[in-house]
PDB file of N, CA and C in Angstrom:
ATOM      1  N   MET A   1      -1.322 -18.968  30.554  1.00  0.00           N
ATOM      2  CA  MET A   1      -0.302 -19.798  29.106  1.00  0.00           C
ATOM      3  C   MET A   1      -1.461 -20.367  27.881  1.00  0.00           C
ATOM      4  N   LEU A   2      -2.385 -20.426  28.050  1.00  0.00           N
ATOM      5  CA  LEU A   2      -3.597 -19.750  27.400  1.00  0.00           C
ATOM      6  C   LEU A   2      -3.777 -18.563  26.689  1.00  0.00           C
ATOM      7  N   TYR A   3      -3.487 -17.366  27.786  1.00  0.00           N
ATOM      8  CA  TYR A   3      -4.199 -16.225  27.662  1.00  0.00           C
ATOM      9  C   TYR A   3      -2.860 -16.108  26.394  1.00  0.00           C
ATOM     10  N   LEU A   4      -1.600 -16.454  27.380  1.00  0.00           N
ATOM     11  CA  LEU A   4      -0.697 -15.537  26.225  1.00  0.00           C
ATOM     12  C   LEU A   4      -0.815 -16.484  24.448  1.00  0.00           C
ATOM     13  N   LEU A   5      -1.119 -17.902  24.780  1.00  0.00           N
ATOM     14  CA  LEU A   5      -1.094 -18.269  23.661  1.00  0.00           C
ATOM     15  C   LEU A   5      -1.672 -17.167  22.023  1.00  0.00           C
ATOM     16  N   SER A   6      -3.002 -16.997  23.047  1.00  0.00           N
ATOM     17  CA  SER A   6      -3.863 -16.456  22.277  1.00  0.00           C
ATOM     18  C   SER A   6      -3.480 -14.592  21.834  1.00  0.00           C
ATOM     19  N   PHE A   7      -2.989 -13.609  22.691  1.00  0.00           N
ATOM     20  CA  PHE A   7      -2.271 -12.818  22.869  1.00  0.00           C
ATOM     21  C   PHE A   7      -1.113 -13.266  21.197  1.00  0.00           C
ATOM     22  N   ILE A   8      -0.319 -13.857  21.265  1.00  0.00           N
ATOM     23  CA  ILE A   8       0.637 -13.444  20.287  1.00  0.00           C
ATOM     24  C   ILE A   8      -0.493 -14.573  18.755  1.00  0.00           C
ATOM     25  N   ARG A   9      -1.286 -15.329  18.989  1.00  0.00           N
ATOM     26  CA  ARG A   9      -1.751 -15.252  17.439  1.00  0.00           C
ATOM     27  C   ARG A   9      -2.517 -14.277  17.218  1.00  0.00           C
ATOM     28  N   MET A  10      -2.875 -12.990  18.324  1.00  0.00           N
ATOM     29  CA  MET A  10      -4.103 -11.609  17.685  1.00  0.00           C
ATOM     30  C   MET A  10      -2.713 -11.303  17.410  1.00  0.00           C
ATOM     31  N   ILE A  11      -1.472 -11.211  17.976  1.00  0.00           N
ATOM     32  CA  ILE A  11       0.430 -10.668  17.145  1.00  0.00           C
ATOM     33  C   ILE A  11       0.166 -10.584  15.209  1.00  0.00           C
ATOM     34  N   ILE A  12       0.168 -11.685  16.023  1.00  0.00           N
ATOM     35  CA  ILE A  12       0.351 -12.376  14.863  1.00  0.00           C
ATOM     36  C   ILE A  12      -0.435 -12.032  12.935  1.00  0.00           C
ATOM     37  N   VAL A  13      -1.395 -12.315  13.371  1.00  0.00           N
ATOM     38  CA  VAL A  13      -3.142 -11.722  12.410  1.00  0.00           C
ATOM     39  C   VAL A  13      -2.822 -10.439  12.753  1.00  0.00           C
ATOM     40  N   PHE A  14      -2.682  -9.283  13.638  1.00  0.00           N
ATOM     41  CA  PHE A  14      -2.315  -7.931  13.451  1.00  0.00           C
ATOM     42  C   PHE A  14      -1.171  -7.680  12.118  1.00  0.00           C
ATOM     43  N   SER A  15      -0.059  -7.999  13.092  1.00  0.00           N
ATOM     44  CA  SER A  15       1.099  -8.041  11.656  1.00  0.00           C
ATOM     45  C   SER A  15       0.360  -8.237  10.363  1.00  0.00           C
ATOM     46  N   ALA A  16       0.226  -9.832  10.147  1.00  0.00           N
ATOM     47  CA  ALA A  16      -0.501  -9.998   8.376  1.00  0.00           C
ATOM     48  C   ALA A  16      -1.604  -9.401   8.220  1.00  0.00           C
ATOM     49  N   GLU A  17      -2.118  -8.454   9.041  1.00  0.00           N
ATOM     50  CA  GLU A  17      -2.727  -7.782   8.064  1.00  0.00           C
ATOM     51  C   GLU A  17      -2.070  -5.908   7.954  1.00  0.00           C
ATOM     52  N   ILE A  18      -1.372  -5.637   8.821  1.00  0.00           N
ATOM     53  CA  ILE A  18      -0.694  -4.389   8.335  1.00  0.00           C
ATOM     54  C   ILE A  18       0.758  -5.223   7.138  1.00  0.00           C
ATOM     55  N   VAL A  19       0.678  -6.119   7.101  1.00  0.00           N
ATOM     56  CA  VAL A  19       1.352  -6.456   6.077  1.00  0.00           C
ATOM     57  C   VAL A  19       0.315  -6.070   4.888  1.00  0.00           C
ATOM     58  N   GLN A  20      -1.237  -6.182   4.961  1.00  0.00           N
ATOM     59  CA  GLN A  20      -1.651  -6.509   3.619  1.00  0.00           C
ATOM     60  C   GLN A  20      -1.264  -5.233   3.399  1.00  0.00           C
ATOM     61  N   ILE A  21      -1.767  -4.408   4.641  1.00  0.00           N
ATOM     62  CA  ILE A  21      -2.049  -2.576   4.022  1.00  0.00           C
ATOM     63  C   ILE A  21      -0.749  -2.131   3.728  1.00  0.00           C
ATOM     64  N   CYS A  22       0.110  -2.538   3.747  1.00  0.00           N
ATOM     65  CA  CYS A  22       1.284  -1.915   3.342  1.00  0.00           C
ATOM     66  C   CYS A  22       1.007  -1.538   1.700  1.00  0.00           C
ATOM     67  N   HIS A  23       1.112  -3.595   0.961  1.00  0.00           N
ATOM     68  CA  HIS A  23       1.391  -3.228  -0.174  1.00  0.00           C
ATOM     69  C   HIS A  23       0.199  -3.247  -1.282  1.00  0.00           C
ATOM     70  N   ILE A  24      -1.486  -3.273  -0.091  1.00  0.00           N
ATOM     71  CA  ILE A  24      -2.513  -2.196  -0.583  1.00  0.00           C
ATOM     72  C   ILE A  24      -1.455  -0.536  -0.266  1.00  0.00           C
ATOM     73  N   VAL A  25      -1.571  -0.117  -0.112  1.00  0.00           N
ATOM     74  CA  VAL A  25      -1.337   1.379   0.117  1.00  0.00           C
ATOM     75  C   VAL A  25      -0.090   1.615  -1.301  1.00  0.00           C
ATOM     76  N   LYS A  26       0.994   0.378  -0.847  1.00  0.00           N
ATOM     77  CA  LYS A  26       2.291   0.814  -2.122  1.00  0.00           C
ATOM     78  C   LYS A  26       1.649   0.726  -3.845  1.00  0.00           C
ATOM     79  N   ARG A  27       0.419   0.006  -3.703  1.00  0.00           N
ATOM     80  CA  ARG A  27       0.216  -0.433  -5.380  1.00  0.00           C
ATOM     81  C   ARG A  27      -0.418   1.220  -6.040  1.00  0.00           C
ATOM     82  N   VAL A  28      -1.018   1.378  -4.993  1.00  0.00           N
ATOM     83  CA  VAL A  28      -2.503   2.319  -4.622  1.00  0.00           C
ATOM     84  C   VAL A  28      -1.345   3.471  -5.214  1.00  0.00           C
ATOM     85  N   ASN A  29      -0.413   4.030  -4.124  1.00  0.00           N
ATOM     86  CA  ASN A  29       0.975   5.158  -4.316  1.00  0.00           C
ATOM     87  C   ASN A  29       0.987   5.112  -5.909  1.00  0.00           C
ATOM     88  N   PHE A  30       1.775   3.922  -6.037  1.00  0.00           N
ATOM     89  CA  PHE A  30       1.747   3.582  -7.724  1.00  0.00           C
ATOM     90  C   PHE A  30       1.386   3.730  -8.088  1.00  0.00           C
ATOM     91  N   THR A  31      -0.275   3.466  -8.551  1.00  0.00           N
ATOM     92  CA  THR A  31      -1.002   4.363  -9.532  1.00  0.00           C
ATOM     93  C   THR A  31      -1.015   5.454  -9.349  1.00  0.00           C
ATOM     94  N   LEU A  32      -0.854   6.028  -8.158  1.00  0.00           N
ATOM     95  CA  LEU A  32      -1.458   7.216  -8.403  1.00  0.00           C
ATOM     96  C   LEU A  32      -0.250   8.215  -9.234  1.00  0.00           C
ATOM     97  N   ILE A  33       0.169   7.419  -8.371  1.00  0.00           N
ATOM     98  CA  ILE A  33       2.044   8.713  -9.348  1.00  0.00           C
ATOM     99  C   ILE A  33       2.315   8.031 -11.145  1.00  0.00           C
ATOM    100  N   SER A  34       2.277   7.362 -10.755  1.00  0.00           N
ATOM    101  CA  SER A  34       2.061   6.828 -12.899  1.00  0.00           C
ATOM    102  C   SER A  34       0.726   7.348 -13.513  1.00  0.00           C
ATOM    103  N   ALA A  35      -0.082   7.829 -13.045  1.00  0.00           N
ATOM    104  CA  ALA A  35      -1.251   9.119 -13.769  1.00  0.00           C
ATOM    105  C   ALA A  35      -1.019  10.286 -13.686  1.00  0.00           C
ATOM    106  N   TRP A  36      -0.305  10.038 -12.219  1.00  0.00           N
ATOM    107  CA  TRP A  36       0.251  11.923 -12.089  1.00  0.00           C
ATOM    108  C   TRP A  36       1.771  11.197 -13.550  1.00  0.00           C
ATOM    109  N   VAL A  37       2.290  10.968 -13.433  1.00  0.00           N
ATOM    110  CA  VAL A  37       3.813  11.203 -14.785  1.00  0.00           C
ATOM    111  C   VAL A  37       2.912  10.935 -15.298  1.00  0.00           C
ATOM    112  N   SER A  38       2.164  10.001 -16.069  1.00  0.00           N
ATOM    113  CA  SER A  38       1.541  10.206 -17.971  1.00  0.00           C
ATOM    114  C   SER A  38       0.422  11.444 -18.369  1.00  0.00           C
ATOM    115  N   SER A  39      -0.414  12.188 -16.854  1.00  0.00           N
ATOM    116  CA  SER A  39      -0.749  13.330 -16.808  1.00  0.00           C
ATOM    117  C   SER A  39      -0.011  14.385 -17.765  1.00  0.00           C
ATOM    118  N   LYS A  40       1.632  14.185 -16.739  1.00  0.00           N
ATOM    119  CA  LYS A  40       2.580  15.243 -16.985  1.00  0.00           C
ATOM    120  C   LYS A  40       2.864  15.269 -18.123  1.00  0.00           C
ATOM    121  N   THR A  41       3.966  13.847 -18.081  1.00  0.00           N
ATOM    122  CA  THR A  41       4.239  14.082 -19.501  1.00  0.00           C
ATOM    123  C   THR A  41       3.615  13.958 -21.002  1.00  0.00           C
ATOM    124  N   CYS A  42       2.669  14.030 -20.840  1.00  0.00           N
ATOM    125  CA  CYS A  42       1.194  14.121 -21.990  1.00  0.00           C
ATOM    126  C   CYS A  42       0.613  15.305 -22.332  1.00  0.00           C
ATOM    127  N   ASP A  43       0.805  16.315 -20.904  1.00  0.00           N
ATOM    128  CA  ASP A  43       0.169  17.680 -21.226  1.00  0.00           C
ATOM    129  C   ASP A  43       2.334  18.521 -21.235  1.00  0.00           C
ATOM    130  N   LYS A  44       3.235  18.244 -21.193  1.00  0.00           N
ATOM    131  CA  LYS A  44       4.353  18.676 -22.115  1.00  0.00           C
ATOM    132  C   LYS A  44       3.708  18.238 -23.489  1.00  0.00           C
ATOM    133  N   LEU A  45       3.762  17.460 -23.712  1.00  0.00           N
ATOM    134  CA  LEU A  45       3.631  16.460 -25.642  1.00  0.00           C
ATOM    135  C   LEU A  45       2.713  17.366 -26.122  1.00  0.00           C
ATOM    136  N   VAL A  46       1.705  17.852 -25.210  1.00  0.00           N
ATOM    137  CA  VAL A  46       0.524  19.340 -25.780  1.00  0.00           C
ATOM    138  C   VAL A  46       0.924  20.470 -26.031  1.00  0.00           C
ATOM    139  N   ILE A  47       2.000  20.649 -24.654  1.00  0.00           N
ATOM    140  CA  ILE A  47       2.344  22.456 -24.705  1.00  0.00           C
ATOM    141  C   ILE A  47       3.665  22.874 -25.780  1.00  0.00           C
ATOM    142  N   SER A  48       4.565  21.554 -26.055  1.00  0.00           N
ATOM    143  CA  SER A  48       5.250  21.162 -27.618  1.00  0.00           C
ATOM    144  C   SER A  48       4.279  21.080 -28.956  1.00  0.00           C
TER     145      SER A  48
END
């Protein structure tokens, strides 16, 4: 029983860490995409 409880706690901590990692990845992706878009629009402005 004690083993089962520690196993469940481990799963909860693990899933919480996965959620945090997903948030970080989304934030990084958003930053990269917005930087890429702004650089593309700057290129278009310079060309025109």
